[in-house]
Amino acid sequence: MSNSPRLPLNPTALPLADAARALAQVGGEPVTEEMLRTDVDAGAPTNANGTLNLVHYAAWLAKEMGRGD
């Protein structure tokens, strides 16, 4: 275990690995970086630096669910 302090996560700019860990912790379901990468490849929005805004991602997921694939 590291003694360095953990910086708080910024939900508007999370690297995919951090976003996957956060979503898995709060959702109780497995979420992997690969799953998020698949969503990004399918059109999920990212910030210019490749990070994920969880609010924008949630809105994209809701829109995708509404399409009834």
N, C-alpha and C. Protein backbone atom coordinates (compact mmCIF):
# COMPACT_ATOMS: atom_id res chain seq x y z
N MET A 1 0.84 -1.17 0.00
CA MET A 1 0.00 0.00 0.00
C MET A 1 0.89 1.23 0.00
N SER A 2 0.54 2.21 -0.82
CA SER A 2 1.33 3.42 -0.94
C SER A 2 0.99 4.40 0.17
N ASN A 3 1.99 5.14 0.62
CA ASN A 3 1.78 6.17 1.62
C ASN A 3 1.44 7.52 1.01
N SER A 4 1.52 7.63 -0.32
CA SER A 4 1.22 8.90 -0.96
C SER A 4 -0.29 9.15 -0.93
N PRO A 5 -0.67 10.41 -0.71
CA PRO A 5 -2.10 10.71 -0.65
C PRO A 5 -2.75 10.55 -2.02
N ARG A 6 -3.99 10.04 -2.01
CA ARG A 6 -4.73 9.92 -3.28
C ARG A 6 -5.41 11.23 -3.58
N LEU A 7 -5.25 11.68 -4.79
CA LEU A 7 -5.94 12.89 -5.22
C LEU A 7 -7.39 12.56 -5.47
N PRO A 8 -8.29 13.50 -5.20
CA PRO A 8 -9.70 13.22 -5.48
C PRO A 8 -9.92 13.07 -6.98
N LEU A 9 -10.85 12.21 -7.32
CA LEU A 9 -11.17 12.00 -8.74
C LEU A 9 -12.03 13.15 -9.25
N ASN A 10 -11.79 13.56 -10.46
CA ASN A 10 -12.58 14.61 -11.10
C ASN A 10 -13.58 13.92 -12.03
N PRO A 11 -14.86 13.89 -11.68
CA PRO A 11 -15.83 13.16 -12.49
C PRO A 11 -16.06 13.74 -13.88
N THR A 12 -15.51 14.92 -14.15
CA THR A 12 -15.65 15.49 -15.49
C THR A 12 -14.43 15.22 -16.36
N ALA A 13 -13.42 14.56 -15.81
CA ALA A 13 -12.21 14.29 -16.59
C ALA A 13 -11.46 13.09 -16.00
N LEU A 14 -12.03 11.91 -16.20
CA LEU A 14 -11.41 10.69 -15.68
C LEU A 14 -10.74 9.89 -16.79
N PRO A 15 -9.49 9.48 -16.56
CA PRO A 15 -8.91 8.50 -17.49
C PRO A 15 -9.81 7.25 -17.49
N LEU A 16 -9.85 6.52 -18.58
CA LEU A 16 -10.75 5.37 -18.69
C LEU A 16 -10.53 4.36 -17.58
N ALA A 17 -9.30 4.12 -17.19
CA ALA A 17 -9.05 3.14 -16.12
C ALA A 17 -9.68 3.59 -14.80
N ASP A 18 -9.54 4.87 -14.47
CA ASP A 18 -10.15 5.40 -13.25
C ASP A 18 -11.67 5.40 -13.35
N ALA A 19 -12.19 5.73 -14.51
CA ALA A 19 -13.64 5.72 -14.71
C ALA A 19 -14.19 4.31 -14.53
N ALA A 20 -13.50 3.32 -15.05
CA ALA A 20 -13.95 1.94 -14.91
C ALA A 20 -13.97 1.53 -13.44
N ARG A 21 -12.93 1.86 -12.71
CA ARG A 21 -12.89 1.52 -11.28
C ARG A 21 -14.02 2.21 -10.52
N ALA A 22 -14.22 3.49 -10.79
CA ALA A 22 -15.27 4.25 -10.10
C ALA A 22 -16.66 3.69 -10.42
N LEU A 23 -16.92 3.43 -11.68
CA LEU A 23 -18.23 2.90 -12.07
C LEU A 23 -18.47 1.52 -11.49
N ALA A 24 -17.45 0.70 -11.42
CA ALA A 24 -17.60 -0.64 -10.84
C ALA A 24 -17.89 -0.54 -9.35
N GLN A 25 -17.27 0.40 -8.67
CA GLN A 25 -17.49 0.54 -7.23
C GLN A 25 -18.90 1.04 -6.92
N VAL A 26 -19.39 2.00 -7.66
CA VAL A 26 -20.72 2.56 -7.34
C VAL A 26 -21.85 1.75 -7.94
N GLY A 27 -21.59 1.03 -9.01
CA GLY A 27 -22.64 0.29 -9.68
C GLY A 27 -22.80 -1.15 -9.23
N GLY A 28 -21.79 -1.68 -8.60
CA GLY A 28 -21.86 -3.06 -8.14
C GLY A 28 -21.75 -4.09 -9.24
N GLU A 29 -21.53 -3.67 -10.46
CA GLU A 29 -21.35 -4.56 -11.61
C GLU A 29 -19.93 -4.38 -12.14
N PRO A 30 -19.37 -5.42 -12.73
CA PRO A 30 -18.03 -5.26 -13.30
C PRO A 30 -18.04 -4.24 -14.44
N VAL A 31 -17.09 -3.34 -14.42
CA VAL A 31 -16.85 -2.40 -15.52
C VAL A 31 -15.35 -2.40 -15.74
N THR A 32 -14.95 -2.59 -16.98
CA THR A 32 -13.53 -2.62 -17.30
C THR A 32 -13.17 -1.48 -18.23
N GLU A 33 -11.90 -1.19 -18.28
CA GLU A 33 -11.42 -0.18 -19.22
C GLU A 33 -11.75 -0.60 -20.66
N GLU A 34 -11.67 -1.88 -20.93
CA GLU A 34 -11.98 -2.37 -22.28
C GLU A 34 -13.45 -2.13 -22.63
N MET A 35 -14.34 -2.28 -21.65
CA MET A 35 -15.76 -2.02 -21.88
C MET A 35 -15.97 -0.55 -22.23
N LEU A 36 -15.29 0.33 -21.52
CA LEU A 36 -15.42 1.76 -21.81
C LEU A 36 -14.81 2.09 -23.16
N ARG A 37 -13.69 1.46 -23.48
CA ARG A 37 -13.05 1.70 -24.79
C ARG A 37 -14.01 1.28 -25.91
N THR A 38 -14.72 0.17 -25.73
CA THR A 38 -15.70 -0.26 -26.72
C THR A 38 -16.79 0.79 -26.90
N ASP A 39 -17.26 1.35 -25.79
CA ASP A 39 -18.27 2.41 -25.87
C ASP A 39 -17.72 3.65 -26.57
N VAL A 40 -16.50 4.03 -26.25
CA VAL A 40 -15.87 5.18 -26.90
C VAL A 40 -15.76 4.93 -28.40
N ASP A 41 -15.34 3.73 -28.76
CA ASP A 41 -15.24 3.38 -30.18
C ASP A 41 -16.59 3.40 -30.87
N ALA A 42 -17.66 3.18 -30.09
CA ALA A 42 -19.03 3.19 -30.64
C ALA A 42 -19.64 4.59 -30.63
N GLY A 43 -18.89 5.58 -30.13
CA GLY A 43 -19.38 6.95 -30.19
C GLY A 43 -19.57 7.66 -28.87
N ALA A 44 -19.27 7.01 -27.75
CA ALA A 44 -19.38 7.69 -26.46
C ALA A 44 -18.44 8.89 -26.45
N PRO A 45 -18.92 10.01 -25.92
CA PRO A 45 -18.10 11.23 -25.95
C PRO A 45 -16.93 11.17 -24.97
N THR A 46 -15.84 11.77 -25.38
CA THR A 46 -14.68 11.95 -24.51
C THR A 46 -14.24 13.40 -24.58
N ASN A 47 -13.47 13.81 -23.61
CA ASN A 47 -12.86 15.13 -23.65
C ASN A 47 -11.73 15.11 -24.68
N ALA A 48 -11.26 16.27 -25.05
CA ALA A 48 -10.20 16.39 -26.05
C ALA A 48 -8.95 15.59 -25.67
N ASN A 49 -8.71 15.43 -24.36
CA ASN A 49 -7.52 14.71 -23.92
C ASN A 49 -7.78 13.21 -23.73
N GLY A 50 -8.96 12.74 -24.13
CA GLY A 50 -9.27 11.31 -24.06
C GLY A 50 -9.89 10.87 -22.75
N THR A 51 -10.06 11.79 -21.80
CA THR A 51 -10.69 11.44 -20.53
C THR A 51 -12.20 11.40 -20.70
N LEU A 52 -12.86 10.82 -19.71
CA LEU A 52 -14.31 10.62 -19.75
C LEU A 52 -14.99 11.54 -18.75
N ASN A 53 -16.01 12.24 -19.21
CA ASN A 53 -16.88 13.02 -18.34
C ASN A 53 -18.04 12.10 -17.99
N LEU A 54 -18.18 11.73 -16.72
CA LEU A 54 -19.19 10.76 -16.33
C LEU A 54 -20.61 11.24 -16.61
N VAL A 55 -20.87 12.53 -16.52
CA VAL A 55 -22.21 13.05 -16.81
C VAL A 55 -22.52 12.91 -18.30
N HIS A 56 -21.58 13.26 -19.14
CA HIS A 56 -21.77 13.13 -20.59
C HIS A 56 -21.88 11.66 -20.98
N TYR A 57 -21.09 10.82 -20.34
CA TYR A 57 -21.14 9.38 -20.63
C TYR A 57 -22.49 8.80 -20.23
N ALA A 58 -23.00 9.18 -19.06
CA ALA A 58 -24.31 8.70 -18.62
C ALA A 58 -25.41 9.14 -19.58
N ALA A 59 -25.33 10.38 -20.05
CA ALA A 59 -26.32 10.87 -21.01
C ALA A 59 -26.24 10.08 -22.31
N TRP A 60 -25.04 9.78 -22.75
CA TRP A 60 -24.86 8.99 -23.97
C TRP A 60 -25.45 7.59 -23.80
N LEU A 61 -25.18 6.97 -22.62
CA LEU A 61 -25.72 5.64 -22.36
C LEU A 61 -27.25 5.66 -22.38
N ALA A 62 -27.85 6.68 -21.77
CA ALA A 62 -29.31 6.78 -21.74
C ALA A 62 -29.86 6.92 -23.16
N LYS A 63 -29.19 7.72 -23.97
CA LYS A 63 -29.62 7.88 -25.36
C LYS A 63 -29.52 6.57 -26.12
N GLU A 64 -28.43 5.85 -25.90
CA GLU A 64 -28.24 4.57 -26.57
C GLU A 64 -29.28 3.55 -26.14
N MET A 65 -29.62 3.55 -24.86
CA MET A 65 -30.64 2.62 -24.36
C MET A 65 -32.00 2.93 -24.98
N GLY A 66 -32.26 4.21 -25.22
CA GLY A 66 -33.52 4.62 -25.83
C GLY A 66 -33.67 4.22 -27.27
N ARG A 67 -32.57 3.88 -27.91
CA ARG A 67 -32.62 3.47 -29.32
C ARG A 67 -33.18 2.07 -29.47
N GLY A 68 -33.20 1.29 -28.38
CA GLY A 68 -33.79 -0.04 -28.41
C GLY A 68 -33.12 -1.02 -29.34
N ASP A 69 -31.79 -1.00 -29.37
CA ASP A 69 -31.04 -1.91 -30.26
C ASP A 69 -31.48 -3.29 -30.02
